[in-house]
């Protein structure tokens, strides 16, 4: 079996990627591209604010996302991934704004991203939030703690520096590689720590 293929129990991975309006949308774009390389079936939900941030930070980002999977709007609440009966293996929100974090932590499923995250929690599926904000206030931290206690993976976009990054891509790859690790998908995006 090719170790680069995303396979769990003999089936292809089906992953939902939410891209919200936090700075750092490059993480979501890169993650989508890496997941596509593995054969992962990808449903990508882009918020309205994320579209604005993509225009500012990664001008070709929306087109790149379109090439990686099925693109959905945050308003597509009738999409299959709004229901627990739609089988998915994981949801990753990358980047995850504090607004989206708050909605998820408080059960406010106002759009497709927060609704799908709510489904992931109730169905006990993997949910990874790549949070992007600094500094964080007590409300942000309490929301993260509440979700972490439910088994949600809180993965701040905080790249390591032990591998001596030389480019922005090196920093982005480190965070995306950590997400891939959490999903159980092999990647060579960053150099692992050795003593």
N, C-alpha and C. Protein backbone atom coordinates (compact mmCIF):
# COMPACT_ATOMS: atom_id res chain seq x y z
N UNK A 1 0.84 -1.19 0.00
CA UNK A 1 0.00 0.00 0.00
C UNK A 1 0.88 1.24 0.00
N UNK A 2 0.54 2.22 -0.78
CA UNK A 2 1.29 3.48 -0.85
C UNK A 2 1.03 4.29 0.41
N UNK A 3 2.08 4.59 1.18
CA UNK A 3 1.91 5.31 2.44
C UNK A 3 1.47 6.75 2.23
N UNK A 4 1.55 7.26 1.00
CA UNK A 4 1.11 8.63 0.74
C UNK A 4 -0.40 8.73 0.55
N UNK A 5 -1.09 7.60 0.47
CA UNK A 5 -2.53 7.63 0.29
C UNK A 5 -3.22 7.71 1.65
N UNK A 6 -4.26 8.54 1.72
CA UNK A 6 -5.00 8.71 2.96
C UNK A 6 -6.03 7.60 3.09
N UNK A 7 -5.73 6.61 3.87
CA UNK A 7 -6.64 5.48 4.01
C UNK A 7 -6.84 5.18 5.49
N UNK A 8 -8.09 5.07 5.90
CA UNK A 8 -8.42 4.64 7.25
C UNK A 8 -9.36 3.46 7.09
N UNK A 9 -9.02 2.35 7.70
CA UNK A 9 -9.85 1.14 7.64
C UNK A 9 -10.26 0.81 6.21
N UNK A 10 -9.34 1.00 5.26
CA UNK A 10 -9.58 0.61 3.88
C UNK A 10 -10.44 1.56 3.08
N UNK A 11 -10.79 2.73 3.64
CA UNK A 11 -11.61 3.69 2.90
C UNK A 11 -10.88 5.01 2.79
N UNK A 12 -11.21 5.77 1.77
CA UNK A 12 -10.59 7.07 1.59
C UNK A 12 -11.09 8.03 2.66
N UNK A 13 -10.23 8.94 3.07
CA UNK A 13 -10.64 9.96 4.02
C UNK A 13 -11.59 10.95 3.36
N UNK A 14 -12.57 11.37 4.12
CA UNK A 14 -13.50 12.42 3.68
C UNK A 14 -13.40 13.52 4.72
N UNK A 15 -12.84 14.66 4.34
CA UNK A 15 -12.52 15.73 5.27
C UNK A 15 -13.25 17.00 4.87
N UNK A 16 -13.77 17.71 5.89
CA UNK A 16 -14.35 19.04 5.69
C UNK A 16 -13.30 20.05 6.13
N UNK A 17 -13.02 21.02 5.26
CA UNK A 17 -12.10 22.10 5.60
C UNK A 17 -12.88 23.41 5.61
N UNK A 18 -12.92 24.04 6.77
CA UNK A 18 -13.54 25.36 6.89
C UNK A 18 -12.44 26.41 6.86
N UNK A 19 -12.65 27.44 6.06
CA UNK A 19 -11.69 28.55 5.99
C UNK A 19 -12.44 29.79 6.43
N UNK A 20 -12.02 30.38 7.55
CA UNK A 20 -12.72 31.55 8.09
C UNK A 20 -11.90 32.82 7.89
N UNK A 21 -12.44 33.93 8.35
CA UNK A 21 -11.87 35.23 8.05
C UNK A 21 -10.73 35.70 8.92
N UNK A 22 -10.01 34.80 9.54
CA UNK A 22 -8.82 35.20 10.29
C UNK A 22 -7.65 35.38 9.33
N UNK A 23 -6.71 36.22 9.70
CA UNK A 23 -5.49 36.32 8.92
C UNK A 23 -4.78 34.96 8.97
N UNK A 24 -4.10 34.61 7.89
CA UNK A 24 -3.43 33.32 7.84
C UNK A 24 -4.16 32.33 6.96
N UNK A 25 -4.94 32.82 6.00
CA UNK A 25 -5.67 31.92 5.10
C UNK A 25 -4.73 31.06 4.27
N UNK A 26 -3.46 31.45 4.18
CA UNK A 26 -2.48 30.63 3.47
C UNK A 26 -2.39 29.23 4.07
N UNK A 27 -2.62 29.11 5.38
CA UNK A 27 -2.61 27.80 6.01
C UNK A 27 -3.70 26.90 5.43
N UNK A 28 -4.90 27.46 5.26
CA UNK A 28 -6.00 26.68 4.70
C UNK A 28 -5.76 26.31 3.25
N UNK A 29 -5.22 27.25 2.48
CA UNK A 29 -4.94 26.99 1.06
C UNK A 29 -3.89 25.89 0.93
N UNK A 30 -2.83 25.97 1.72
CA UNK A 30 -1.76 24.96 1.66
C UNK A 30 -2.27 23.61 2.14
N UNK A 31 -3.07 23.60 3.21
CA UNK A 31 -3.61 22.34 3.72
C UNK A 31 -4.48 21.67 2.66
N UNK A 32 -5.31 22.44 1.97
CA UNK A 32 -6.17 21.88 0.91
C UNK A 32 -5.31 21.23 -0.17
N UNK A 33 -4.25 21.91 -0.57
CA UNK A 33 -3.37 21.38 -1.63
C UNK A 33 -2.70 20.08 -1.17
N UNK A 34 -2.26 20.04 0.07
CA UNK A 34 -1.59 18.84 0.57
C UNK A 34 -2.57 17.68 0.72
N UNK A 35 -3.78 17.96 1.18
CA UNK A 35 -4.78 16.90 1.31
C UNK A 35 -5.17 16.35 -0.06
N UNK A 36 -5.26 17.24 -1.05
CA UNK A 36 -5.60 16.79 -2.41
C UNK A 36 -4.54 15.80 -2.92
N UNK A 37 -3.27 16.08 -2.64
CA UNK A 37 -2.18 15.20 -3.08
C UNK A 37 -2.33 13.78 -2.55
N UNK A 38 -2.98 13.64 -1.39
CA UNK A 38 -3.11 12.33 -0.75
C UNK A 38 -4.34 11.57 -1.23
N UNK A 39 -5.17 12.20 -2.04
CA UNK A 39 -6.40 11.54 -2.50
C UNK A 39 -7.56 11.73 -1.56
N UNK A 40 -7.41 12.57 -0.55
CA UNK A 40 -8.49 12.85 0.39
C UNK A 40 -9.65 13.52 -0.34
N UNK A 41 -10.87 13.06 -0.06
CA UNK A 41 -12.06 13.74 -0.58
C UNK A 41 -12.30 14.96 0.30
N UNK A 42 -12.37 16.12 -0.31
CA UNK A 42 -12.37 17.37 0.43
C UNK A 42 -13.59 18.22 0.10
N UNK A 43 -14.31 18.63 1.13
CA UNK A 43 -15.38 19.62 1.03
C UNK A 43 -14.85 20.88 1.70
N UNK A 44 -14.80 21.97 0.97
CA UNK A 44 -14.18 23.20 1.47
C UNK A 44 -15.25 24.27 1.62
N UNK A 45 -15.43 24.76 2.85
CA UNK A 45 -16.42 25.79 3.13
C UNK A 45 -15.67 27.08 3.42
N UNK A 46 -15.93 28.10 2.61
CA UNK A 46 -15.23 29.38 2.73
C UNK A 46 -16.23 30.44 3.20
N UNK A 47 -15.92 31.09 4.30
CA UNK A 47 -16.81 32.14 4.80
C UNK A 47 -16.68 33.39 3.93
N UNK A 48 -17.68 34.26 4.03
CA UNK A 48 -17.65 35.51 3.26
C UNK A 48 -16.43 36.35 3.64
N UNK A 49 -16.14 36.42 4.92
CA UNK A 49 -14.98 37.21 5.37
C UNK A 49 -13.68 36.58 4.90
N UNK A 50 -13.63 35.25 4.86
CA UNK A 50 -12.43 34.57 4.37
C UNK A 50 -12.16 34.95 2.91
N UNK A 51 -13.22 35.12 2.13
CA UNK A 51 -13.04 35.52 0.73
C UNK A 51 -12.35 36.89 0.65
N UNK A 52 -12.70 37.78 1.56
CA UNK A 52 -12.06 39.11 1.59
C UNK A 52 -10.59 38.99 2.01
N UNK A 53 -10.34 38.15 3.01
CA UNK A 53 -8.96 37.97 3.48
C UNK A 53 -8.13 37.29 2.40
N UNK A 54 -8.72 36.31 1.71
CA UNK A 54 -8.00 35.66 0.60
C UNK A 54 -7.59 36.69 -0.45
N UNK A 55 -8.47 37.60 -0.78
CA UNK A 55 -8.15 38.64 -1.77
C UNK A 55 -6.94 39.46 -1.32
N UNK A 56 -6.85 39.74 -0.03
CA UNK A 56 -5.76 40.55 0.49
C UNK A 56 -4.46 39.75 0.66
N UNK A 57 -4.56 38.50 1.10
CA UNK A 57 -3.36 37.75 1.48
C UNK A 57 -2.89 36.74 0.44
N UNK A 58 -3.84 36.10 -0.25
CA UNK A 58 -3.50 35.07 -1.24
C UNK A 58 -4.44 35.29 -2.43
N UNK A 59 -4.13 36.25 -3.30
CA UNK A 59 -5.07 36.64 -4.36
C UNK A 59 -5.59 35.49 -5.22
N UNK A 60 -4.80 34.45 -5.46
CA UNK A 60 -5.24 33.31 -6.25
C UNK A 60 -5.81 32.19 -5.38
N UNK A 61 -5.94 32.45 -4.08
CA UNK A 61 -6.32 31.42 -3.12
C UNK A 61 -7.65 30.76 -3.38
N UNK A 62 -8.67 31.54 -3.74
CA UNK A 62 -9.98 30.94 -3.98
C UNK A 62 -9.94 29.99 -5.17
N UNK A 63 -9.23 30.38 -6.23
CA UNK A 63 -9.08 29.48 -7.39
C UNK A 63 -8.32 28.21 -6.99
N UNK A 64 -7.30 28.38 -6.16
CA UNK A 64 -6.54 27.21 -5.70
C UNK A 64 -7.43 26.27 -4.89
N UNK A 65 -8.26 26.82 -4.04
CA UNK A 65 -9.17 26.00 -3.25
C UNK A 65 -10.17 25.26 -4.14
N UNK A 66 -10.66 25.94 -5.17
CA UNK A 66 -11.62 25.32 -6.10
C UNK A 66 -11.03 24.08 -6.77
N UNK A 67 -9.73 24.09 -6.99
CA UNK A 67 -9.07 22.95 -7.64
C UNK A 67 -8.83 21.78 -6.69
N UNK A 68 -9.03 22.01 -5.40
CA UNK A 68 -8.69 20.98 -4.41
C UNK A 68 -9.88 20.16 -3.93
N UNK A 69 -11.09 20.65 -4.15
CA UNK A 69 -12.25 19.91 -3.65
C UNK A 69 -13.54 20.62 -3.98
N UNK A 70 -14.60 20.14 -3.38
CA UNK A 70 -15.94 20.71 -3.58
C UNK A 70 -16.06 21.98 -2.75
N UNK A 71 -16.23 23.11 -3.41
CA UNK A 71 -16.27 24.41 -2.74
C UNK A 71 -17.71 24.75 -2.37
N UNK A 72 -17.91 25.13 -1.10
CA UNK A 72 -19.23 25.49 -0.60
C UNK A 72 -19.18 26.85 0.06
N UNK A 73 -20.32 27.51 0.11
CA UNK A 73 -20.46 28.79 0.80
C UNK A 73 -20.87 28.52 2.24
N UNK A 74 -20.56 29.45 3.11
CA UNK A 74 -21.00 29.32 4.50
C UNK A 74 -22.53 29.33 4.61
N UNK A 75 -23.21 29.80 3.57
CA UNK A 75 -24.68 29.90 3.59
C UNK A 75 -25.36 28.62 3.11
N UNK A 76 -24.59 27.63 2.65
CA UNK A 76 -25.15 26.38 2.12
C UNK A 76 -25.57 25.44 3.25
N UNK A 77 -26.49 25.90 4.09
CA UNK A 77 -26.88 25.11 5.25
C UNK A 77 -27.66 23.85 4.88
N UNK A 78 -28.08 23.74 3.62
CA UNK A 78 -28.76 22.52 3.19
C UNK A 78 -27.77 21.49 2.63
N UNK A 79 -26.47 21.78 2.69
CA UNK A 79 -25.45 20.83 2.21
C UNK A 79 -25.48 19.58 3.09
N UNK A 80 -25.07 18.45 2.50
CA UNK A 80 -25.11 17.18 3.24
C UNK A 80 -24.30 17.22 4.52
N UNK A 81 -23.21 17.98 4.55
CA UNK A 81 -22.34 17.99 5.74
C UNK A 81 -22.95 18.75 6.91
N UNK A 82 -24.19 19.27 6.74
CA UNK A 82 -24.92 19.85 7.86
C UNK A 82 -25.55 18.78 8.72
N UNK A 83 -25.55 17.55 8.24
CA UNK A 83 -26.22 16.46 8.94
C UNK A 83 -25.22 15.42 9.42
N UNK A 84 -25.48 14.88 10.59
CA UNK A 84 -24.65 13.80 11.12
C UNK A 84 -24.75 12.54 10.29
N UNK A 85 -25.80 12.42 9.47
CA UNK A 85 -25.93 11.22 8.64
C UNK A 85 -24.95 11.23 7.46
N UNK A 86 -24.36 12.39 7.16
CA UNK A 86 -23.32 12.46 6.12
C UNK A 86 -22.01 12.03 6.76
N UNK A 87 -21.44 10.96 6.28
CA UNK A 87 -20.23 10.42 6.88
C UNK A 87 -19.01 11.24 6.47
N UNK A 88 -18.31 11.76 7.46
CA UNK A 88 -17.03 12.41 7.26
C UNK A 88 -16.08 11.87 8.32
N UNK A 89 -14.80 11.94 8.04
CA UNK A 89 -13.82 11.45 8.99
C UNK A 89 -13.29 12.54 9.91
N UNK A 90 -13.25 13.77 9.42
CA UNK A 90 -12.69 14.85 10.22
C UNK A 90 -13.13 16.19 9.66
N UNK A 91 -13.10 17.18 10.54
CA UNK A 91 -13.30 18.57 10.15
C UNK A 91 -12.11 19.37 10.65
N UNK A 92 -11.56 20.20 9.78
CA UNK A 92 -10.47 21.10 10.16
C UNK A 92 -10.91 22.51 9.81
N UNK A 93 -10.81 23.43 10.76
CA UNK A 93 -11.09 24.83 10.47
C UNK A 93 -9.76 25.55 10.53
N UNK A 94 -9.34 26.04 9.36
CA UNK A 94 -7.97 26.52 9.18
C UNK A 94 -7.94 27.68 8.19
N UNK A 95 -7.74 28.90 8.63
CA UNK A 95 -7.61 29.31 10.02
C UNK A 95 -8.98 29.42 10.68
N UNK A 96 -8.97 29.39 12.01
CA UNK A 96 -10.21 29.51 12.78
C UNK A 96 -10.21 30.85 13.49
N UNK A 97 -11.15 31.70 13.11
CA UNK A 97 -11.28 33.01 13.75
C UNK A 97 -11.84 32.85 15.15
N UNK A 98 -11.68 33.86 15.98
CA UNK A 98 -12.23 33.83 17.33
C UNK A 98 -13.76 33.87 17.29
N UNK A 99 -14.34 34.49 16.27
CA UNK A 99 -15.80 34.48 16.11
C UNK A 99 -16.29 33.06 15.88
N UNK A 100 -15.61 32.32 15.01
CA UNK A 100 -16.00 30.94 14.74
C UNK A 100 -15.77 30.07 15.96
N UNK A 101 -14.65 30.26 16.63
CA UNK A 101 -14.37 29.54 17.87
C UNK A 101 -15.50 29.74 18.87
N UNK A 102 -15.91 30.99 19.05
CA UNK A 102 -16.99 31.31 20.00
C UNK A 102 -18.29 30.65 19.60
N UNK A 103 -18.62 30.70 18.31
CA UNK A 103 -19.86 30.07 17.84
C UNK A 103 -19.85 28.58 18.14
N UNK A 104 -18.72 27.91 17.86
CA UNK A 104 -18.63 26.46 18.09
C UNK A 104 -18.72 26.16 19.59
N UNK A 105 -17.98 26.91 20.40
CA UNK A 105 -17.94 26.66 21.84
C UNK A 105 -19.30 26.86 22.49
N UNK A 106 -20.14 27.68 21.88
CA UNK A 106 -21.43 27.99 22.48
C UNK A 106 -22.61 27.40 21.71
N UNK A 107 -22.33 26.49 20.79
CA UNK A 107 -23.40 25.79 20.09
C UNK A 107 -24.22 26.66 19.17
N UNK A 108 -23.63 27.74 18.69
CA UNK A 108 -24.35 28.68 17.81
C UNK A 108 -24.02 28.33 16.36
N UNK A 109 -24.78 27.42 15.80
CA UNK A 109 -24.52 26.89 14.45
C UNK A 109 -25.18 27.79 13.40
N UNK A 110 -24.65 29.00 13.25
CA UNK A 110 -25.28 30.00 12.40
C UNK A 110 -24.91 29.90 10.93
N UNK A 111 -23.84 29.16 10.61
CA UNK A 111 -23.45 28.98 9.20
C UNK A 111 -22.96 27.54 9.01
N UNK A 112 -22.59 27.19 7.79
CA UNK A 112 -22.21 25.82 7.50
C UNK A 112 -20.94 25.40 8.24
N UNK A 113 -20.02 26.32 8.45
CA UNK A 113 -18.78 25.98 9.16
C UNK A 113 -19.08 25.62 10.61
N UNK A 114 -19.81 26.49 11.31
CA UNK A 114 -20.11 26.21 12.72
C UNK A 114 -21.08 25.04 12.86
N UNK A 115 -21.99 24.87 11.90
CA UNK A 115 -22.91 23.72 11.95
C UNK A 115 -22.15 22.41 11.76
N UNK A 116 -21.23 22.37 10.80
CA UNK A 116 -20.47 21.14 10.59
C UNK A 116 -19.59 20.82 11.80
N UNK A 117 -19.03 21.85 12.43
CA UNK A 117 -18.24 21.62 13.64
C UNK A 117 -19.13 21.06 14.75
N UNK A 118 -20.33 21.58 14.86
CA UNK A 118 -21.30 21.10 15.84
C UNK A 118 -21.61 19.62 15.58
N UNK A 119 -21.78 19.26 14.31
CA UNK A 119 -22.02 17.88 13.92
C UNK A 119 -20.82 17.00 14.32
N UNK A 120 -19.60 17.49 14.06
CA UNK A 120 -18.40 16.72 14.40
C UNK A 120 -18.37 16.43 15.90
N UNK A 121 -18.72 17.41 16.71
CA UNK A 121 -18.70 17.22 18.17
C UNK A 121 -19.78 16.22 18.58
N UNK A 122 -20.99 16.39 18.07
CA UNK A 122 -22.08 15.50 18.52
C UNK A 122 -21.89 14.08 18.02
N UNK A 123 -21.25 13.92 16.87
CA UNK A 123 -21.02 12.58 16.32
C UNK A 123 -19.68 12.00 16.78
N UNK A 124 -18.95 12.76 17.61
CA UNK A 124 -17.66 12.36 18.16
C UNK A 124 -16.64 12.06 17.07
N UNK A 125 -16.60 12.96 16.08
CA UNK A 125 -15.61 12.88 15.01
C UNK A 125 -14.49 13.86 15.30
N UNK A 126 -13.36 13.65 14.66
CA UNK A 126 -12.21 14.53 14.88
C UNK A 126 -12.52 15.95 14.40
N UNK A 127 -12.23 16.91 15.27
CA UNK A 127 -12.39 18.32 14.95
C UNK A 127 -11.10 19.03 15.34
N UNK A 128 -10.50 19.72 14.38
CA UNK A 128 -9.23 20.42 14.59
C UNK A 128 -9.46 21.90 14.29
N UNK A 129 -9.12 22.75 15.25
CA UNK A 129 -9.24 24.20 15.07
C UNK A 129 -7.86 24.83 15.06
N UNK A 130 -7.48 25.38 13.91
CA UNK A 130 -6.19 26.07 13.77
C UNK A 130 -6.46 27.54 14.08
N UNK A 131 -6.40 27.85 15.38
CA UNK A 131 -6.79 29.19 15.84
C UNK A 131 -5.72 30.22 15.49
N UNK A 132 -6.20 31.42 15.15
CA UNK A 132 -5.33 32.50 14.72
C UNK A 132 -5.77 33.80 15.37
N UNK A 133 -5.05 34.20 16.39
CA UNK A 133 -5.32 35.48 17.04
C UNK A 133 -4.19 35.73 18.03
N UNK A 134 -3.87 36.99 18.24
CA UNK A 134 -2.95 37.34 19.31
C UNK A 134 -3.07 38.82 19.61
N UNK A 135 -2.94 39.22 20.85
CA UNK A 135 -2.96 38.33 22.02
C UNK A 135 -4.36 37.77 22.23
N UNK A 136 -4.44 36.71 23.01
CA UNK A 136 -5.74 36.09 23.31
C UNK A 136 -6.23 36.61 24.65
N UNK A 137 -7.55 36.86 24.70
CA UNK A 137 -8.11 37.29 25.98
C UNK A 137 -8.70 36.08 26.71
N UNK A 138 -9.21 36.31 27.90
CA UNK A 138 -9.73 35.21 28.72
C UNK A 138 -10.92 34.52 28.06
N UNK A 139 -11.73 35.26 27.31
CA UNK A 139 -12.87 34.64 26.61
C UNK A 139 -12.37 33.65 25.57
N UNK A 140 -11.37 34.04 24.77
CA UNK A 140 -10.80 33.14 23.78
C UNK A 140 -10.28 31.87 24.45
N UNK A 141 -9.52 32.05 25.52
CA UNK A 141 -8.90 30.91 26.22
C UNK A 141 -9.96 30.00 26.85
N UNK A 142 -11.00 30.59 27.43
CA UNK A 142 -12.08 29.79 28.02
C UNK A 142 -12.81 29.00 26.94
N UNK A 143 -13.05 29.62 25.79
CA UNK A 143 -13.71 28.89 24.70
C UNK A 143 -12.85 27.72 24.23
N UNK A 144 -11.54 27.93 24.12
CA UNK A 144 -10.64 26.84 23.72
C UNK A 144 -10.63 25.73 24.76
N UNK A 145 -10.59 26.10 26.03
CA UNK A 145 -10.58 25.09 27.09
C UNK A 145 -11.87 24.28 27.08
N UNK A 146 -13.00 24.96 26.92
CA UNK A 146 -14.29 24.27 26.86
C UNK A 146 -14.28 23.22 25.75
N UNK A 147 -13.79 23.59 24.58
CA UNK A 147 -13.76 22.66 23.45
C UNK A 147 -12.71 21.56 23.63
N UNK A 148 -11.55 21.91 24.17
CA UNK A 148 -10.51 20.90 24.41
C UNK A 148 -11.02 19.82 25.35
N UNK A 149 -11.81 20.21 26.34
CA UNK A 149 -12.38 19.23 27.27
C UNK A 149 -13.37 18.29 26.59
N UNK A 150 -13.90 18.70 25.44
CA UNK A 150 -14.80 17.85 24.66
C UNK A 150 -14.04 16.98 23.65
N UNK A 151 -12.72 17.14 23.60
CA UNK A 151 -11.91 16.34 22.68
C UNK A 151 -11.53 17.04 21.40
N UNK A 152 -11.90 18.31 21.27
CA UNK A 152 -11.52 19.08 20.09
C UNK A 152 -10.02 19.37 20.16
N UNK A 153 -9.32 19.24 19.03
CA UNK A 153 -7.90 19.54 18.98
C UNK A 153 -7.73 21.03 18.70
N UNK A 154 -7.09 21.72 19.62
CA UNK A 154 -6.79 23.14 19.45
C UNK A 154 -5.34 23.22 18.99
N UNK A 155 -5.13 23.67 17.75
CA UNK A 155 -3.80 23.69 17.15
C UNK A 155 -3.49 25.13 16.71
N UNK A 156 -2.93 25.93 17.60
CA UNK A 156 -2.62 27.31 17.22
C UNK A 156 -1.63 27.35 16.06
N UNK A 157 -1.78 28.33 15.20
CA UNK A 157 -0.87 28.50 14.07
C UNK A 157 0.44 29.09 14.59
N UNK A 158 1.19 28.25 15.30
CA UNK A 158 2.44 28.66 15.93
C UNK A 158 3.57 27.76 15.44
N UNK A 159 4.21 28.12 14.33
CA UNK A 159 5.25 27.25 13.78
C UNK A 159 6.46 27.17 14.68
N UNK A 160 7.16 26.03 14.60
CA UNK A 160 8.40 25.87 15.33
C UNK A 160 9.56 26.52 14.58
N UNK A 161 10.65 26.71 15.28
CA UNK A 161 11.83 27.34 14.68
C UNK A 161 13.08 26.48 14.80
N UNK A 162 12.95 25.28 15.41
CA UNK A 162 14.11 24.41 15.58
C UNK A 162 14.65 23.92 14.25
N UNK A 163 13.82 23.91 13.21
CA UNK A 163 14.27 23.43 11.90
C UNK A 163 14.88 24.56 11.05
N UNK A 164 15.08 25.71 11.68
CA UNK A 164 15.73 26.87 11.05
C UNK A 164 15.04 27.27 9.73
N UNK A 165 13.76 27.68 9.82
CA UNK A 165 13.03 28.07 8.61
C UNK A 165 13.69 29.25 7.92
N UNK A 166 13.68 29.19 6.59
CA UNK A 166 14.30 30.26 5.80
C UNK A 166 13.27 31.07 5.01
N UNK A 167 12.07 30.52 4.86
CA UNK A 167 11.04 31.20 4.06
C UNK A 167 9.70 31.13 4.79
N UNK A 168 8.76 31.94 4.31
CA UNK A 168 7.40 31.86 4.84
C UNK A 168 6.83 30.48 4.58
N UNK A 169 7.14 29.90 3.42
CA UNK A 169 6.67 28.54 3.12
C UNK A 169 7.12 27.54 4.17
N UNK A 170 8.35 27.67 4.66
CA UNK A 170 8.83 26.77 5.71
C UNK A 170 7.96 26.87 6.96
N UNK A 171 7.57 28.09 7.31
CA UNK A 171 6.73 28.31 8.49
C UNK A 171 5.32 27.76 8.28
N UNK A 172 4.76 28.02 7.10
CA UNK A 172 3.42 27.52 6.77
C UNK A 172 3.43 26.00 6.76
N UNK A 173 4.45 25.41 6.15
CA UNK A 173 4.53 23.95 6.06
C UNK A 173 4.61 23.28 7.43
N UNK A 174 5.25 23.94 8.38
CA UNK A 174 5.36 23.35 9.72
C UNK A 174 3.97 23.22 10.34
N UNK A 175 3.17 24.27 10.26
CA UNK A 175 1.81 24.23 10.83
C UNK A 175 0.94 23.22 10.08
N UNK A 176 0.99 23.26 8.75
CA UNK A 176 0.19 22.33 7.95
C UNK A 176 0.62 20.89 8.21
N UNK A 177 1.92 20.67 8.36
CA UNK A 177 2.40 19.33 8.67
C UNK A 177 1.88 18.83 10.00
N UNK A 178 1.77 19.72 10.98
CA UNK A 178 1.23 19.33 12.29
C UNK A 178 -0.25 18.95 12.16
N UNK A 179 -0.99 19.66 11.32
CA UNK A 179 -2.40 19.30 11.08
C UNK A 179 -2.47 17.91 10.44
N UNK A 180 -1.61 17.68 9.46
CA UNK A 180 -1.59 16.37 8.80
C UNK A 180 -1.28 15.27 9.82
N UNK A 181 -0.37 15.53 10.74
CA UNK A 181 -0.06 14.55 11.80
C UNK A 181 -1.31 14.23 12.61
N UNK A 182 -2.04 15.25 13.01
CA UNK A 182 -3.25 15.05 13.81
C UNK A 182 -4.28 14.23 13.05
N UNK A 183 -4.33 14.40 11.73
CA UNK A 183 -5.26 13.64 10.90
C UNK A 183 -4.76 12.22 10.62
N UNK A 184 -3.51 11.94 10.99
CA UNK A 184 -2.94 10.62 10.76
C UNK A 184 -2.50 10.40 9.33
N UNK A 185 -2.14 11.49 8.65
CA UNK A 185 -1.73 11.43 7.25
C UNK A 185 -0.23 11.70 7.15
N UNK A 186 0.48 10.82 6.49
CA UNK A 186 1.92 10.99 6.31
C UNK A 186 2.23 12.21 5.46
N UNK A 187 3.25 12.95 5.88
CA UNK A 187 3.73 14.07 5.06
C UNK A 187 5.20 14.31 5.41
N UNK A 188 5.88 14.98 4.52
CA UNK A 188 7.27 15.36 4.75
C UNK A 188 7.38 16.88 4.68
N UNK A 189 6.41 17.56 5.27
CA UNK A 189 6.34 19.02 5.14
C UNK A 189 7.33 19.75 6.03
N UNK A 190 7.77 19.10 7.09
CA UNK A 190 8.71 19.77 7.98
C UNK A 190 9.68 18.77 8.54
N UNK A 191 10.82 19.29 8.95
CA UNK A 191 11.86 18.44 9.55
C UNK A 191 11.50 18.18 11.00
N UNK A 192 11.46 16.92 11.38
CA UNK A 192 11.10 16.56 12.74
C UNK A 192 12.28 16.73 13.69
N UNK A 193 11.98 16.98 14.94
CA UNK A 193 13.01 17.19 15.95
C UNK A 193 13.82 15.92 16.14
N UNK A 194 15.11 16.08 16.15
CA UNK A 194 16.02 14.97 16.48
C UNK A 194 17.05 15.51 17.47
N UNK A 195 17.54 14.64 18.33
CA UNK A 195 18.54 15.12 19.32
C UNK A 195 19.95 14.81 18.89
